[in-house]
Amino acid sequence: MEANSAQPACPACGGPMTCTAMVLARREDDGKRVCRGVWQCADRHLWWKWSDRPGDELETCPYLHFGA
């Protein structure tokens, strides 16, 4: 689902994460519309990051309904 297919570890528990959704959003710093990959671990911790910035850290996803 995401350009960088490497499976990250959950920052909260260290477990493997799965990309569960893609969300189109407007980025504040440059005004571009870009997808965010939504990642979730087995313990249901939910994170996201910009799909065009694979080196960026995961951020806590504020929308819990994006989880599987």
Protein backbone atom coordinates (compact mmCIF):
# COMPACT_ATOMS: atom_id res chain seq x y z
CA MET A 1 0.00 0.00 0.00
CA GLU A 2 2.83 2.40 0.71
CA ALA A 3 5.77 3.39 -1.48
CA ASN A 4 8.21 2.24 1.20
CA SER A 5 7.07 -1.31 1.94
CA ALA A 6 9.42 -1.84 4.90
CA GLN A 7 7.39 -2.93 7.93
CA PRO A 8 8.07 -0.55 10.83
CA ALA A 9 8.04 -1.50 14.52
CA CYS A 10 5.41 0.06 16.78
CA PRO A 11 6.94 2.94 18.79
CA ALA A 12 4.69 2.04 21.76
CA CYS A 13 5.23 -1.72 22.07
CA GLY A 14 7.86 -2.69 19.48
CA GLY A 15 5.53 -5.09 17.66
CA PRO A 16 5.31 -5.36 13.86
CA MET A 17 2.88 -3.01 12.14
CA THR A 18 0.62 -3.33 9.11
CA CYS A 19 -0.45 -0.51 6.81
CA THR A 20 -4.26 -0.52 7.18
CA ALA A 21 -5.30 2.56 5.19
CA MET A 22 -4.22 5.50 3.06
CA VAL A 23 -5.65 8.95 3.82
CA LEU A 24 -5.43 11.92 1.46
CA ALA A 25 -4.58 15.04 3.48
CA ARG A 26 -3.27 18.57 2.94
CA ARG A 27 0.16 19.07 4.45
CA GLU A 28 0.47 22.36 6.35
CA ASP A 29 4.17 23.02 5.71
CA ASP A 30 3.97 23.00 1.87
CA GLY A 31 0.22 23.00 1.07
CA LYS A 32 0.47 19.78 -0.99
CA ARG A 33 -2.22 17.10 -0.97
CA VAL A 34 -0.40 13.89 -0.08
CA CYS A 35 -1.41 10.48 1.28
CA ARG A 36 -0.63 9.40 4.82
CA GLY A 37 -0.13 5.71 5.45
CA VAL A 38 -2.02 4.56 8.56
CA TRP A 39 -0.16 1.83 10.47
CA GLN A 40 -1.47 -0.42 13.25
CA CYS A 41 0.08 -3.14 15.43
CA ALA A 42 -1.59 -6.20 16.98
CA ASP A 43 -2.07 -4.23 20.23
CA ARG A 44 -4.15 -1.71 18.20
CA HIS A 45 -1.73 1.21 18.56
CA LEU A 46 -2.43 3.52 15.60
CA TRP A 47 0.20 5.66 13.87
CA TRP A 48 0.58 7.48 10.55
CA LYS A 49 3.20 9.17 8.38
CA TRP A 50 3.47 10.89 5.01
CA SER A 51 3.79 8.33 2.21
CA ASP A 52 6.25 10.51 0.26
CA ARG A 53 8.56 10.90 3.26
CA PRO A 54 9.52 7.32 4.19
CA GLY A 55 12.36 8.47 6.46
CA ASP A 56 10.06 10.49 8.73
CA GLU A 57 9.07 9.19 12.15
CA LEU A 58 5.61 7.74 12.73
CA GLU A 59 3.16 10.16 14.39
CA THR A 60 0.22 9.25 16.62
CA CYS A 61 -2.90 9.08 14.46
CA PRO A 62 -5.66 11.23 16.00
CA TYR A 63 -8.44 9.36 14.16
CA LEU A 64 -9.02 6.07 15.97
CA HIS A 65 -11.74 4.96 13.53
CA PHE A 66 -9.02 4.46 10.86
CA GLY A 67 -7.93 1.31 12.73
CA ALA A 68 -8.94 -2.13 11.55
